[in-house]
N, C-alpha and C. Protein backbone atom coordinates (compact mmCIF):
# COMPACT_ATOMS: atom_id res chain seq x y z
N UNK A 1 -16.58 1.93 -24.50
CA UNK A 1 -16.65 0.52 -24.70
C UNK A 1 -15.36 -0.03 -25.24
N UNK A 2 -14.81 0.65 -26.24
CA UNK A 2 -13.50 0.21 -26.81
C UNK A 2 -12.41 0.33 -25.79
N UNK A 3 -12.40 1.43 -25.01
CA UNK A 3 -11.40 1.62 -23.99
C UNK A 3 -11.43 0.51 -22.96
N UNK A 4 -12.65 0.05 -22.57
CA UNK A 4 -12.79 -1.02 -21.59
C UNK A 4 -12.23 -2.31 -22.17
N UNK A 5 -12.57 -2.61 -23.43
CA UNK A 5 -12.07 -3.83 -24.05
C UNK A 5 -10.54 -3.80 -24.16
N UNK A 6 -9.97 -2.65 -24.54
CA UNK A 6 -8.51 -2.56 -24.61
C UNK A 6 -7.87 -2.72 -23.23
N UNK A 7 -8.52 -2.14 -22.21
CA UNK A 7 -8.04 -2.31 -20.87
C UNK A 7 -8.01 -3.75 -20.45
N UNK A 8 -9.14 -4.46 -20.69
CA UNK A 8 -9.22 -5.86 -20.31
C UNK A 8 -8.24 -6.70 -21.13
N UNK A 9 -8.07 -6.43 -22.41
CA UNK A 9 -7.09 -7.18 -23.18
C UNK A 9 -5.70 -6.93 -22.68
N UNK A 10 -5.38 -5.70 -22.31
CA UNK A 10 -4.09 -5.37 -21.73
C UNK A 10 -3.83 -6.07 -20.41
N UNK A 11 -4.88 -6.15 -19.58
CA UNK A 11 -4.76 -6.84 -18.31
C UNK A 11 -4.53 -8.34 -18.51
N UNK A 12 -5.27 -8.96 -19.43
CA UNK A 12 -5.05 -10.36 -19.72
C UNK A 12 -3.61 -10.58 -20.26
N UNK A 13 -3.16 -9.70 -21.13
CA UNK A 13 -1.82 -9.83 -21.68
C UNK A 13 -0.74 -9.72 -20.56
N UNK A 14 -0.99 -8.83 -19.56
CA UNK A 14 -0.09 -8.69 -18.44
C UNK A 14 -0.05 -9.92 -17.62
N UNK A 15 -1.20 -10.49 -17.26
CA UNK A 15 -1.28 -11.69 -16.43
C UNK A 15 -0.61 -12.90 -17.16
N UNK A 16 -1.04 -13.10 -18.39
CA UNK A 16 -0.49 -14.24 -19.12
C UNK A 16 1.05 -14.04 -19.40
N UNK A 17 1.41 -12.81 -19.72
CA UNK A 17 2.84 -12.55 -19.97
C UNK A 17 3.66 -12.77 -18.75
N UNK A 18 3.20 -12.36 -17.58
CA UNK A 18 3.95 -12.58 -16.36
C UNK A 18 4.08 -14.06 -16.06
N UNK A 19 2.99 -14.78 -16.24
CA UNK A 19 3.04 -16.25 -15.98
C UNK A 19 4.01 -16.96 -16.93
N UNK A 20 3.92 -16.64 -18.19
CA UNK A 20 4.85 -17.23 -19.18
C UNK A 20 6.29 -16.85 -18.93
N UNK A 21 6.51 -15.60 -18.55
CA UNK A 21 7.83 -15.15 -18.24
C UNK A 21 8.49 -15.88 -17.04
N UNK A 22 7.69 -15.97 -16.00
CA UNK A 22 8.18 -16.69 -14.80
C UNK A 22 8.44 -18.15 -15.08
N UNK A 23 7.53 -18.81 -15.81
CA UNK A 23 7.74 -20.20 -16.14
C UNK A 23 9.02 -20.40 -17.03
N UNK A 24 9.15 -19.60 -18.02
CA UNK A 24 10.30 -19.68 -18.91
C UNK A 24 11.60 -19.37 -18.19
N UNK A 25 11.62 -18.37 -17.35
CA UNK A 25 12.82 -17.97 -16.61
C UNK A 25 13.19 -19.03 -15.61
N UNK A 26 12.22 -19.63 -14.91
CA UNK A 26 12.52 -20.68 -13.97
C UNK A 26 13.09 -21.90 -14.65
N UNK A 27 12.51 -22.29 -15.76
CA UNK A 27 13.00 -23.41 -16.56
C UNK A 27 14.41 -23.14 -17.04
N UNK A 28 14.64 -21.97 -17.54
CA UNK A 28 15.97 -21.57 -18.02
C UNK A 28 16.97 -21.64 -16.89
N UNK A 29 16.62 -21.16 -15.74
CA UNK A 29 17.54 -21.21 -14.59
C UNK A 29 17.94 -22.62 -14.26
N UNK A 30 17.00 -23.50 -14.16
CA UNK A 30 17.31 -24.90 -13.84
C UNK A 30 18.18 -25.55 -14.91
N UNK A 31 17.86 -25.29 -16.15
CA UNK A 31 18.59 -25.90 -17.24
C UNK A 31 20.00 -25.39 -17.38
N UNK A 32 20.25 -24.17 -16.99
CA UNK A 32 21.59 -23.60 -17.11
C UNK A 32 22.36 -23.58 -15.81
N UNK A 33 21.71 -24.11 -14.73
CA UNK A 33 22.45 -24.20 -13.50
C UNK A 33 22.55 -22.86 -12.77
N UNK A 34 21.61 -21.97 -13.06
CA UNK A 34 21.59 -20.66 -12.40
C UNK A 34 20.45 -20.63 -11.39
N UNK A 35 20.73 -20.08 -10.23
CA UNK A 35 19.73 -19.99 -9.17
C UNK A 35 18.47 -19.28 -9.67
N UNK A 36 17.28 -19.85 -9.42
CA UNK A 36 16.05 -19.09 -9.74
C UNK A 36 15.97 -17.74 -9.10
N UNK A 37 16.60 -17.59 -7.90
CA UNK A 37 16.64 -16.25 -7.26
C UNK A 37 17.37 -15.31 -8.14
N UNK A 38 18.49 -15.73 -8.73
CA UNK A 38 19.27 -14.83 -9.63
C UNK A 38 18.46 -14.51 -10.84
N UNK A 39 17.76 -15.49 -11.42
CA UNK A 39 16.92 -15.19 -12.58
C UNK A 39 15.86 -14.23 -12.21
N UNK A 40 15.22 -14.38 -11.05
CA UNK A 40 14.21 -13.45 -10.60
C UNK A 40 14.76 -11.99 -10.42
N UNK A 41 15.99 -11.92 -9.92
CA UNK A 41 16.62 -10.63 -9.72
C UNK A 41 17.11 -9.97 -11.00
N UNK A 42 17.18 -10.75 -12.09
CA UNK A 42 17.68 -10.18 -13.36
C UNK A 42 16.59 -10.26 -14.43
N UNK A 43 16.40 -11.47 -15.08
CA UNK A 43 15.51 -11.59 -16.21
C UNK A 43 14.08 -11.17 -15.89
N UNK A 44 13.53 -11.73 -14.80
CA UNK A 44 12.16 -11.42 -14.47
C UNK A 44 12.02 -9.95 -14.04
N UNK A 45 12.94 -9.46 -13.24
CA UNK A 45 12.91 -8.02 -12.79
C UNK A 45 13.01 -7.11 -14.01
N UNK A 46 13.96 -7.42 -14.93
CA UNK A 46 14.09 -6.55 -16.10
C UNK A 46 12.82 -6.63 -16.96
N UNK A 47 12.30 -7.83 -17.16
CA UNK A 47 11.12 -7.98 -17.99
C UNK A 47 9.90 -7.28 -17.42
N UNK A 48 9.69 -7.43 -16.15
CA UNK A 48 8.51 -6.79 -15.58
C UNK A 48 8.68 -5.26 -15.49
N UNK A 49 9.88 -4.79 -15.62
CA UNK A 49 10.13 -3.35 -15.63
C UNK A 49 10.06 -2.75 -17.01
N UNK A 50 9.90 -3.57 -18.03
CA UNK A 50 9.86 -3.10 -19.44
C UNK A 50 8.76 -2.07 -19.64
N UNK A 51 7.50 -2.31 -19.13
CA UNK A 51 6.46 -1.28 -19.31
C UNK A 51 6.83 0.04 -18.61
N UNK A 52 7.44 -0.08 -17.42
CA UNK A 52 7.89 1.20 -16.72
C UNK A 52 8.97 1.90 -17.51
N UNK A 53 9.85 1.10 -18.11
CA UNK A 53 10.89 1.76 -18.93
C UNK A 53 10.27 2.49 -20.14
N UNK A 54 9.26 1.90 -20.70
CA UNK A 54 8.60 2.56 -21.84
C UNK A 54 7.92 3.84 -21.43
N UNK A 55 7.27 3.84 -20.25
CA UNK A 55 6.63 5.04 -19.78
C UNK A 55 7.65 6.10 -19.41
N UNK A 56 8.76 5.70 -18.75
CA UNK A 56 9.79 6.64 -18.38
C UNK A 56 10.44 7.25 -19.61
N UNK A 57 10.77 6.44 -20.59
CA UNK A 57 11.39 6.90 -21.86
C UNK A 57 10.48 7.87 -22.56
N UNK A 58 9.20 7.56 -22.62
CA UNK A 58 8.24 8.43 -23.27
C UNK A 58 8.17 9.75 -22.52
N UNK A 59 8.14 9.70 -21.20
CA UNK A 59 8.05 10.93 -20.40
C UNK A 59 9.25 11.78 -20.64
N UNK A 60 10.45 11.24 -20.66
CA UNK A 60 11.70 11.98 -20.86
C UNK A 60 11.67 12.62 -22.25
N UNK A 61 11.29 11.84 -23.28
CA UNK A 61 11.32 12.34 -24.62
C UNK A 61 10.29 13.47 -24.82
N UNK A 62 9.25 13.51 -23.97
CA UNK A 62 8.22 14.55 -24.09
C UNK A 62 8.52 15.69 -23.10
N UNK A 63 9.71 15.70 -22.49
CA UNK A 63 10.10 16.78 -21.62
C UNK A 63 9.56 16.71 -20.23
N UNK A 64 9.08 15.58 -19.81
CA UNK A 64 8.49 15.38 -18.45
C UNK A 64 9.39 14.57 -17.54
N UNK A 65 10.62 15.11 -17.29
CA UNK A 65 11.56 14.44 -16.41
C UNK A 65 11.01 14.15 -15.05
N UNK A 66 10.16 15.02 -14.52
CA UNK A 66 9.58 14.81 -13.22
C UNK A 66 8.72 13.54 -13.21
N UNK A 67 8.01 13.29 -14.29
CA UNK A 67 7.17 12.08 -14.39
C UNK A 67 8.07 10.87 -14.49
N UNK A 68 9.20 10.95 -15.17
CA UNK A 68 10.13 9.81 -15.29
C UNK A 68 10.67 9.44 -13.91
N UNK A 69 11.13 10.39 -13.14
CA UNK A 69 11.67 10.15 -11.80
C UNK A 69 10.55 9.57 -10.91
N UNK A 70 9.40 10.18 -10.97
CA UNK A 70 8.26 9.74 -10.16
C UNK A 70 7.85 8.33 -10.49
N UNK A 71 7.86 7.94 -11.76
CA UNK A 71 7.54 6.62 -12.20
C UNK A 71 8.51 5.61 -11.63
N UNK A 72 9.83 5.88 -11.72
CA UNK A 72 10.81 4.92 -11.24
C UNK A 72 10.75 4.79 -9.73
N UNK A 73 10.69 5.90 -9.03
CA UNK A 73 10.64 5.85 -7.56
C UNK A 73 9.30 5.25 -7.10
N UNK A 74 8.22 5.71 -7.68
CA UNK A 74 6.92 5.23 -7.27
C UNK A 74 6.73 3.75 -7.56
N UNK A 75 7.23 3.25 -8.64
CA UNK A 75 7.06 1.82 -8.95
C UNK A 75 7.86 0.96 -7.96
N UNK A 76 8.99 1.43 -7.51
CA UNK A 76 9.77 0.67 -6.50
C UNK A 76 9.04 0.68 -5.18
N UNK A 77 8.51 1.79 -4.76
CA UNK A 77 7.80 1.81 -3.51
C UNK A 77 6.56 0.90 -3.62
N UNK A 78 5.87 0.96 -4.72
CA UNK A 78 4.67 0.13 -4.93
C UNK A 78 5.05 -1.37 -4.91
N UNK A 79 6.15 -1.75 -5.54
CA UNK A 79 6.58 -3.13 -5.58
C UNK A 79 6.89 -3.65 -4.19
N UNK A 80 7.60 -2.86 -3.40
CA UNK A 80 7.97 -3.34 -2.06
C UNK A 80 6.74 -3.38 -1.14
N UNK A 81 5.97 -2.30 -1.12
CA UNK A 81 4.88 -2.23 -0.17
C UNK A 81 3.61 -2.96 -0.60
N UNK A 82 3.19 -2.81 -1.84
CA UNK A 82 1.90 -3.39 -2.28
C UNK A 82 2.11 -4.82 -2.79
N UNK A 83 3.03 -5.00 -3.74
CA UNK A 83 3.17 -6.32 -4.35
C UNK A 83 3.62 -7.34 -3.32
N UNK A 84 4.66 -7.05 -2.56
CA UNK A 84 5.07 -7.99 -1.51
C UNK A 84 3.98 -8.11 -0.40
N UNK A 85 3.36 -7.01 -0.06
CA UNK A 85 2.32 -7.05 0.98
C UNK A 85 1.17 -7.93 0.53
N UNK A 86 0.73 -7.73 -0.70
CA UNK A 86 -0.39 -8.56 -1.23
C UNK A 86 0.00 -10.02 -1.30
N UNK A 87 1.19 -10.33 -1.82
CA UNK A 87 1.68 -11.67 -1.89
C UNK A 87 1.71 -12.31 -0.51
N UNK A 88 2.18 -11.59 0.50
CA UNK A 88 2.23 -12.14 1.85
C UNK A 88 0.86 -12.38 2.44
N UNK A 89 -0.15 -11.57 2.02
CA UNK A 89 -1.51 -11.84 2.46
C UNK A 89 -2.03 -13.12 1.91
N UNK A 90 -1.64 -13.43 0.66
CA UNK A 90 -2.10 -14.64 0.00
C UNK A 90 -1.43 -15.88 0.57
N UNK A 91 -0.12 -15.82 0.73
CA UNK A 91 0.63 -16.97 1.31
C UNK A 91 1.93 -16.39 1.92
N UNK A 92 2.39 -17.03 3.00
CA UNK A 92 3.62 -16.57 3.59
C UNK A 92 4.79 -16.68 2.61
N UNK A 93 5.67 -15.71 2.60
CA UNK A 93 6.77 -15.66 1.66
C UNK A 93 8.06 -16.16 2.37
N UNK A 94 8.76 -17.05 1.65
CA UNK A 94 10.08 -17.47 2.12
C UNK A 94 11.10 -16.43 1.68
N UNK A 95 11.86 -15.91 2.60
CA UNK A 95 12.90 -14.92 2.26
C UNK A 95 14.25 -15.62 2.45
N UNK A 96 14.95 -15.82 1.34
CA UNK A 96 16.23 -16.48 1.39
C UNK A 96 17.27 -15.57 2.12
N UNK A 97 18.18 -16.16 2.81
CA UNK A 97 19.20 -15.45 3.56
C UNK A 97 19.95 -14.50 2.66
N UNK A 98 20.21 -14.89 1.40
CA UNK A 98 20.91 -14.02 0.45
C UNK A 98 20.15 -12.72 0.24
N UNK A 99 18.85 -12.74 0.21
CA UNK A 99 18.08 -11.50 0.06
C UNK A 99 18.30 -10.57 1.24
N UNK A 100 18.28 -11.15 2.44
CA UNK A 100 18.45 -10.32 3.64
C UNK A 100 19.87 -9.76 3.77
N UNK A 101 20.84 -10.59 3.50
CA UNK A 101 22.26 -10.16 3.64
C UNK A 101 22.85 -9.42 2.47
N UNK A 102 22.28 -9.66 1.25
CA UNK A 102 22.90 -9.03 0.10
C UNK A 102 22.00 -8.12 -0.71
N UNK A 103 20.86 -8.69 -1.21
CA UNK A 103 20.02 -7.92 -2.12
C UNK A 103 19.33 -6.75 -1.44
N UNK A 104 18.75 -6.95 -0.25
CA UNK A 104 18.04 -5.90 0.40
C UNK A 104 18.97 -4.70 0.73
N UNK A 105 20.13 -4.96 1.25
CA UNK A 105 21.06 -3.85 1.48
C UNK A 105 21.48 -3.18 0.18
N UNK A 106 21.62 -3.93 -0.91
CA UNK A 106 21.97 -3.34 -2.19
C UNK A 106 20.81 -2.44 -2.65
N UNK A 107 19.56 -2.90 -2.48
CA UNK A 107 18.41 -2.09 -2.87
C UNK A 107 18.37 -0.75 -2.06
N UNK A 108 18.65 -0.86 -0.77
CA UNK A 108 18.67 0.34 0.07
C UNK A 108 19.83 1.24 -0.41
N UNK A 109 20.97 0.63 -0.72
CA UNK A 109 22.09 1.40 -1.22
C UNK A 109 21.80 2.12 -2.51
N UNK A 110 21.04 1.44 -3.39
CA UNK A 110 20.65 2.12 -4.65
C UNK A 110 19.75 3.30 -4.39
N UNK A 111 18.84 3.20 -3.45
CA UNK A 111 17.97 4.33 -3.10
C UNK A 111 18.83 5.47 -2.54
N UNK A 112 19.77 5.15 -1.66
CA UNK A 112 20.67 6.16 -1.06
C UNK A 112 21.51 6.81 -2.16
N UNK A 113 21.97 6.01 -3.13
CA UNK A 113 22.76 6.55 -4.23
C UNK A 113 21.95 7.54 -5.03
N UNK A 114 20.67 7.20 -5.34
CA UNK A 114 19.80 8.13 -6.09
C UNK A 114 19.64 9.44 -5.29
N UNK A 115 19.42 9.36 -4.02
CA UNK A 115 19.32 10.55 -3.16
C UNK A 115 20.58 11.38 -3.28
N UNK A 116 21.75 10.73 -3.18
CA UNK A 116 23.03 11.48 -3.30
C UNK A 116 23.22 12.09 -4.65
N UNK A 117 22.92 11.33 -5.71
CA UNK A 117 23.12 11.85 -7.06
C UNK A 117 22.18 12.98 -7.38
N UNK A 118 21.03 13.03 -6.77
CA UNK A 118 20.06 14.05 -7.10
C UNK A 118 20.11 15.29 -6.21
N UNK A 119 21.09 15.35 -5.30
CA UNK A 119 21.24 16.53 -4.43
C UNK A 119 21.42 17.84 -5.19
N UNK A 120 22.00 17.75 -6.41
CA UNK A 120 22.18 18.97 -7.19
C UNK A 120 20.94 19.32 -8.01
N UNK A 121 19.87 18.59 -7.83
CA UNK A 121 18.64 18.89 -8.51
C UNK A 121 18.36 18.20 -9.84
N UNK A 122 19.34 17.37 -10.24
CA UNK A 122 19.11 16.66 -11.50
C UNK A 122 19.99 15.36 -11.52
N UNK A 123 19.61 14.43 -12.33
CA UNK A 123 20.34 13.21 -12.56
C UNK A 123 20.79 13.31 -14.03
N UNK A 124 22.08 13.56 -14.23
CA UNK A 124 22.61 13.86 -15.55
C UNK A 124 23.31 12.70 -16.25
N UNK A 125 24.03 12.99 -17.29
CA UNK A 125 24.70 11.97 -18.09
C UNK A 125 25.66 11.14 -17.29
N UNK A 126 26.53 11.75 -16.53
CA UNK A 126 27.47 11.02 -15.69
C UNK A 126 26.74 10.10 -14.72
N UNK A 127 25.67 10.64 -14.11
CA UNK A 127 24.88 9.82 -13.15
C UNK A 127 24.27 8.64 -13.87
N UNK A 128 23.73 8.86 -15.03
CA UNK A 128 23.13 7.75 -15.80
C UNK A 128 24.11 6.67 -16.20
N UNK A 129 25.35 7.10 -16.60
CA UNK A 129 26.39 6.13 -16.94
C UNK A 129 26.78 5.33 -15.68
N UNK A 130 26.91 6.05 -14.58
CA UNK A 130 27.25 5.41 -13.30
C UNK A 130 26.15 4.38 -12.93
N UNK A 131 24.89 4.77 -12.98
CA UNK A 131 23.79 3.88 -12.62
C UNK A 131 23.72 2.65 -13.53
N UNK A 132 23.88 2.83 -14.79
CA UNK A 132 23.80 1.68 -15.76
C UNK A 132 25.06 0.83 -15.59
N UNK A 133 26.22 1.42 -15.34
CA UNK A 133 27.44 0.63 -15.08
C UNK A 133 27.30 -0.23 -13.84
N UNK A 134 26.75 0.33 -12.82
CA UNK A 134 26.52 -0.43 -11.55
C UNK A 134 25.53 -1.55 -11.80
N UNK A 135 24.50 -1.33 -12.65
CA UNK A 135 23.55 -2.45 -12.96
C UNK A 135 24.23 -3.55 -13.69
N UNK A 136 25.07 -3.24 -14.67
CA UNK A 136 25.81 -4.29 -15.39
C UNK A 136 26.73 -5.03 -14.44
N UNK A 137 27.47 -4.31 -13.63
CA UNK A 137 28.39 -4.96 -12.64
C UNK A 137 27.60 -5.87 -11.69
N UNK A 138 26.48 -5.40 -11.17
CA UNK A 138 25.66 -6.21 -10.27
C UNK A 138 25.13 -7.45 -10.95
N UNK A 139 24.70 -7.30 -12.17
CA UNK A 139 24.17 -8.47 -12.92
C UNK A 139 25.26 -9.51 -13.14
N UNK A 140 26.41 -9.09 -13.58
CA UNK A 140 27.56 -10.00 -13.81
C UNK A 140 27.95 -10.66 -12.47
N UNK A 141 28.02 -9.90 -11.41
CA UNK A 141 28.34 -10.42 -10.13
C UNK A 141 27.35 -11.51 -9.70
N UNK A 142 26.05 -11.28 -9.86
CA UNK A 142 25.03 -12.26 -9.52
C UNK A 142 25.19 -13.57 -10.27
N UNK A 143 25.44 -13.44 -11.58
CA UNK A 143 25.55 -14.65 -12.43
C UNK A 143 26.82 -15.41 -12.02
N UNK A 144 27.93 -14.72 -11.85
CA UNK A 144 29.18 -15.42 -11.46
C UNK A 144 29.05 -16.05 -10.07
N UNK A 145 28.37 -15.32 -9.16
CA UNK A 145 28.18 -15.85 -7.82
C UNK A 145 27.29 -17.13 -7.88
N UNK A 146 26.31 -17.11 -8.65
CA UNK A 146 25.37 -18.26 -8.78
C UNK A 146 26.09 -19.44 -9.38
N UNK A 147 26.90 -19.22 -10.42
CA UNK A 147 27.61 -20.33 -11.11
C UNK A 147 28.70 -20.89 -10.20
N UNK A 148 29.31 -20.09 -9.30
CA UNK A 148 30.39 -20.52 -8.47
C UNK A 148 29.89 -21.37 -7.27
N UNK A 149 28.65 -21.20 -6.93
CA UNK A 149 28.10 -21.85 -5.73
C UNK A 149 27.00 -22.85 -6.21
N UNK A 150 27.34 -24.15 -6.35
CA UNK A 150 26.35 -25.10 -6.84
C UNK A 150 25.12 -25.22 -5.89
N UNK A 151 25.30 -24.89 -4.63
CA UNK A 151 24.17 -24.96 -3.70
C UNK A 151 23.11 -23.91 -4.01
N UNK A 152 23.50 -22.88 -4.81
CA UNK A 152 22.56 -21.80 -5.08
C UNK A 152 21.57 -22.17 -6.17
N UNK A 153 21.81 -23.36 -6.88
CA UNK A 153 20.78 -23.80 -7.84
C UNK A 153 19.63 -24.30 -7.02
N UNK A 154 18.68 -23.44 -6.80
CA UNK A 154 17.69 -23.65 -5.81
C UNK A 154 16.61 -24.62 -6.21
N UNK A 155 15.72 -24.86 -5.31
CA UNK A 155 14.70 -25.86 -5.47
C UNK A 155 13.58 -25.35 -6.38
N UNK A 156 13.51 -25.96 -7.50
CA UNK A 156 12.37 -25.83 -8.43
C UNK A 156 11.86 -27.19 -8.56
N UNK A 157 10.58 -27.45 -8.21
CA UNK A 157 10.09 -28.74 -8.24
C UNK A 157 9.86 -29.25 -9.67
N UNK A 158 9.91 -30.55 -9.88
CA UNK A 158 9.72 -31.15 -11.20
C UNK A 158 8.36 -30.81 -11.74
N UNK A 159 7.35 -30.57 -10.85
CA UNK A 159 6.02 -30.21 -11.27
C UNK A 159 5.97 -28.86 -11.92
N UNK A 160 6.93 -27.99 -11.56
CA UNK A 160 6.94 -26.62 -12.08
C UNK A 160 7.45 -26.52 -13.49
N UNK A 161 8.14 -27.53 -13.98
CA UNK A 161 8.74 -27.45 -15.33
C UNK A 161 8.26 -28.64 -16.16
N UNK A 162 8.11 -28.42 -17.47
CA UNK A 162 7.60 -29.46 -18.35
C UNK A 162 8.66 -30.61 -18.51
N UNK A 163 9.92 -30.31 -18.64
CA UNK A 163 10.95 -31.28 -18.90
C UNK A 163 12.21 -30.92 -18.13
N UNK A 164 12.31 -31.29 -16.86
CA UNK A 164 13.53 -30.91 -16.12
C UNK A 164 14.75 -31.56 -16.77
N UNK A 165 15.82 -30.81 -16.78
CA UNK A 165 17.09 -31.32 -17.34
C UNK A 165 18.17 -31.25 -16.25
N UNK A 166 19.31 -31.81 -16.59
CA UNK A 166 20.45 -31.79 -15.66
C UNK A 166 20.90 -30.34 -15.52
N UNK A 167 20.93 -29.79 -14.31
CA UNK A 167 21.32 -28.43 -14.09
C UNK A 167 22.68 -28.11 -14.70
N UNK A 168 22.78 -26.94 -15.25
CA UNK A 168 24.08 -26.48 -15.81
C UNK A 168 24.42 -26.97 -17.18
N UNK A 169 23.43 -27.62 -17.85
CA UNK A 169 23.69 -28.21 -19.14
C UNK A 169 22.83 -27.56 -20.19
N UNK A 170 23.40 -27.18 -21.31
CA UNK A 170 22.68 -26.65 -22.46
C UNK A 170 22.05 -27.83 -23.19
N UNK A 171 20.73 -27.78 -23.45
CA UNK A 171 20.12 -28.86 -24.20
C UNK A 171 19.01 -28.28 -25.09
N UNK A 172 18.26 -29.14 -25.69
CA UNK A 172 17.25 -28.68 -26.65
C UNK A 172 16.19 -27.89 -25.99
N UNK A 173 15.96 -28.06 -24.68
CA UNK A 173 14.92 -27.30 -23.99
C UNK A 173 15.27 -25.86 -23.72
N UNK A 174 16.52 -25.47 -23.81
CA UNK A 174 16.94 -24.10 -23.57
C UNK A 174 16.30 -23.13 -24.52
N UNK A 175 16.33 -23.41 -25.85
CA UNK A 175 15.67 -22.49 -26.77
C UNK A 175 14.18 -22.36 -26.47
N UNK A 176 13.54 -23.40 -26.03
CA UNK A 176 12.11 -23.33 -25.70
C UNK A 176 11.92 -22.38 -24.51
N UNK A 177 12.77 -22.51 -23.48
CA UNK A 177 12.68 -21.68 -22.27
C UNK A 177 12.97 -20.18 -22.69
N UNK A 178 13.99 -20.00 -23.53
CA UNK A 178 14.24 -18.65 -24.01
C UNK A 178 13.09 -18.06 -24.78
N UNK A 179 12.43 -18.88 -25.56
CA UNK A 179 11.22 -18.46 -26.31
C UNK A 179 10.11 -18.06 -25.37
N UNK A 180 9.94 -18.83 -24.26
CA UNK A 180 8.88 -18.50 -23.29
C UNK A 180 9.21 -17.18 -22.61
N UNK A 181 10.49 -16.94 -22.31
CA UNK A 181 10.90 -15.68 -21.68
C UNK A 181 10.57 -14.54 -22.63
N UNK A 182 10.97 -14.69 -23.90
CA UNK A 182 10.69 -13.61 -24.89
C UNK A 182 9.22 -13.39 -25.08
N UNK A 183 8.43 -14.48 -25.16
CA UNK A 183 6.95 -14.35 -25.31
C UNK A 183 6.39 -13.63 -24.14
N UNK A 184 6.82 -13.99 -22.95
CA UNK A 184 6.37 -13.31 -21.69
C UNK A 184 6.67 -11.84 -21.71
N UNK A 185 7.91 -11.51 -22.14
CA UNK A 185 8.29 -10.09 -22.23
C UNK A 185 7.41 -9.32 -23.21
N UNK A 186 7.18 -9.92 -24.39
CA UNK A 186 6.37 -9.23 -25.40
C UNK A 186 4.92 -9.03 -24.86
N UNK A 187 4.35 -10.03 -24.21
CA UNK A 187 3.03 -9.89 -23.68
C UNK A 187 2.93 -8.81 -22.55
N UNK A 188 4.01 -8.77 -21.74
CA UNK A 188 4.06 -7.77 -20.69
C UNK A 188 4.11 -6.32 -21.26
N UNK A 189 4.95 -6.15 -22.29
CA UNK A 189 5.03 -4.83 -22.87
C UNK A 189 3.75 -4.51 -23.61
N UNK A 190 3.15 -5.45 -24.31
CA UNK A 190 1.89 -5.23 -25.01
C UNK A 190 0.76 -4.92 -24.05
N UNK A 191 0.75 -5.61 -22.92
CA UNK A 191 -0.26 -5.36 -21.89
C UNK A 191 -0.16 -4.00 -21.32
């Protein structure tokens, strides 16, 4: 009985956390003049991966490296095949040209890099530094690219946000949006 209640509470926390995170991140993107696509590729992606990071870290610390690798690879397969598949069943998905030309090939490149790095049977310290360095470089590239191209501040309708502001401007609503992002992350991890 207690396990069922905890499961349901965790599920509610996941759903509410995801909703709050997406709302906060979208508002933050509009207020700071950053494309919502870029925020989705960074803040939302990092936040929704927090539970997976916790599982992977726990697995590595308990000597289960195979579980850590399986979790990372399996969650990516699940996200592409199930999450996008289910979303497409619910409503057709608009795929921005940037995703087709830039992000999807980068995702495939990351998978190929993992295959190349693991040919010796392990992913070691150098590999980890390389992977994390590439993540930082990619994130910085996305933000700079978004800020350099004003057309990339994409369409977020006024109905989606409580108080739309002039894009690219820091105002009093930014701390509120940051708070929503943090609250969403906390709920996701707790769930």
